[in-house]
Amino acid sequence: MMLINLRNAKGEIYASSLAKSIDCTYSHVVKILQAMQKDGLISFDKQGRLKILTLTKKGQEVADNLDKARQLLS
């Protein structure tokens, strides 16, 4: 779900705005994002104190496949 939200985001997205959009705590989102970064699905682009989230090519492919699977199941 987070990957799909990141893929569909317009403009820059931060962990805090992602947490709000999926109704989850900030600390939980950060923990999941760190695991996603370790797996090569996202990258963090640091701008001052803020970290902008970006999907990698691998993350984009996974998000696309998740979205297709979700559509098939609905």
Protein backbone atom coordinates (compact mmCIF):
# COMPACT_ATOMS: atom_id res chain seq x y z
CA MET A 1 0.00 0.00 0.00
CA MET A 2 2.81 2.41 0.86
CA LEU A 3 4.53 1.74 -2.45
CA ILE A 4 1.33 2.45 -4.37
CA ASN A 5 0.80 5.68 -2.41
CA LEU A 6 4.39 6.72 -3.14
CA ARG A 7 3.94 5.94 -6.83
CA ASN A 8 0.70 7.93 -7.01
CA ALA A 9 1.99 10.90 -4.99
CA LYS A 10 2.04 14.26 -6.68
CA GLY A 11 5.12 16.30 -5.85
CA GLU A 12 7.49 15.66 -3.00
CA ILE A 13 6.46 13.23 -0.28
CA TYR A 14 7.84 12.84 3.22
CA ALA A 15 7.43 10.09 5.82
CA SER A 16 5.10 12.31 7.87
CA SER A 17 2.74 12.99 4.96
CA LEU A 18 2.79 9.32 3.97
CA ALA A 19 1.90 8.34 7.54
CA LYS A 20 -1.10 10.67 7.47
CA SER A 21 -2.27 9.45 4.07
CA ILE A 22 -2.33 5.80 5.20
CA ASP A 23 -3.51 6.55 8.75
CA CYS A 24 -0.46 5.05 10.44
CA THR A 25 1.96 6.29 13.08
CA TYR A 26 5.07 8.11 11.93
CA SER A 27 7.40 5.74 13.80
CA HIS A 28 5.81 2.67 12.20
CA VAL A 29 6.05 4.21 8.72
CA VAL A 30 9.72 5.09 9.24
CA LYS A 31 10.50 1.54 10.34
CA ILE A 32 8.83 0.12 7.21
CA LEU A 33 10.51 2.70 4.97
CA GLN A 34 13.93 1.78 6.36
CA ALA A 35 13.27 -1.87 5.48
CA MET A 36 12.10 -0.82 2.00
CA GLN A 37 15.28 1.21 1.55
CA LYS A 38 17.38 -1.78 2.60
CA ASP A 39 15.54 -3.88 -0.02
CA GLY A 40 16.21 -1.26 -2.71
CA LEU A 41 12.57 -0.22 -3.19
CA ILE A 42 12.93 3.42 -2.15
CA SER A 43 15.61 6.02 -1.62
CA PHE A 44 15.80 8.99 0.71
CA ASP A 45 16.95 12.30 -0.75
CA LYS A 46 18.03 14.52 2.13
CA GLN A 47 17.30 18.23 1.80
CA GLY A 48 18.34 19.94 4.99
CA ARG A 49 16.43 18.30 7.83
CA LEU A 50 13.86 16.76 5.49
CA LYS A 51 14.10 13.44 3.68
CA ILE A 52 12.18 13.21 0.44
CA LEU A 53 11.02 9.70 -0.46
CA THR A 54 11.57 8.43 -3.98
CA LEU A 55 10.71 5.08 -5.52
CA THR A 56 13.58 3.28 -7.20
CA LYS A 57 13.04 1.51 -10.52
CA LYS A 58 12.64 -1.74 -8.58
CA GLY A 59 10.12 -0.07 -6.25
CA GLN A 60 8.15 1.25 -9.22
CA GLU A 61 7.96 -2.25 -10.72
CA VAL A 62 6.83 -3.78 -7.41
CA ALA A 63 4.19 -1.04 -6.94
CA ASP A 64 2.88 -1.63 -10.47
CA ASN A 65 2.63 -5.38 -9.87
CA LEU A 66 0.91 -4.89 -6.50
CA ASP A 67 -1.61 -2.56 -8.11
CA LYS A 68 -2.33 -5.06 -10.89
CA ALA A 69 -2.82 -7.86 -8.34
CA ARG A 70 -5.12 -5.67 -6.26
CA GLN A 71 -7.22 -4.87 -9.33
CA LEU A 72 -7.51 -8.54 -10.25
CA LEU A 73 -8.75 -9.39 -6.76
CA SER A 74 -11.41 -6.68 -6.65
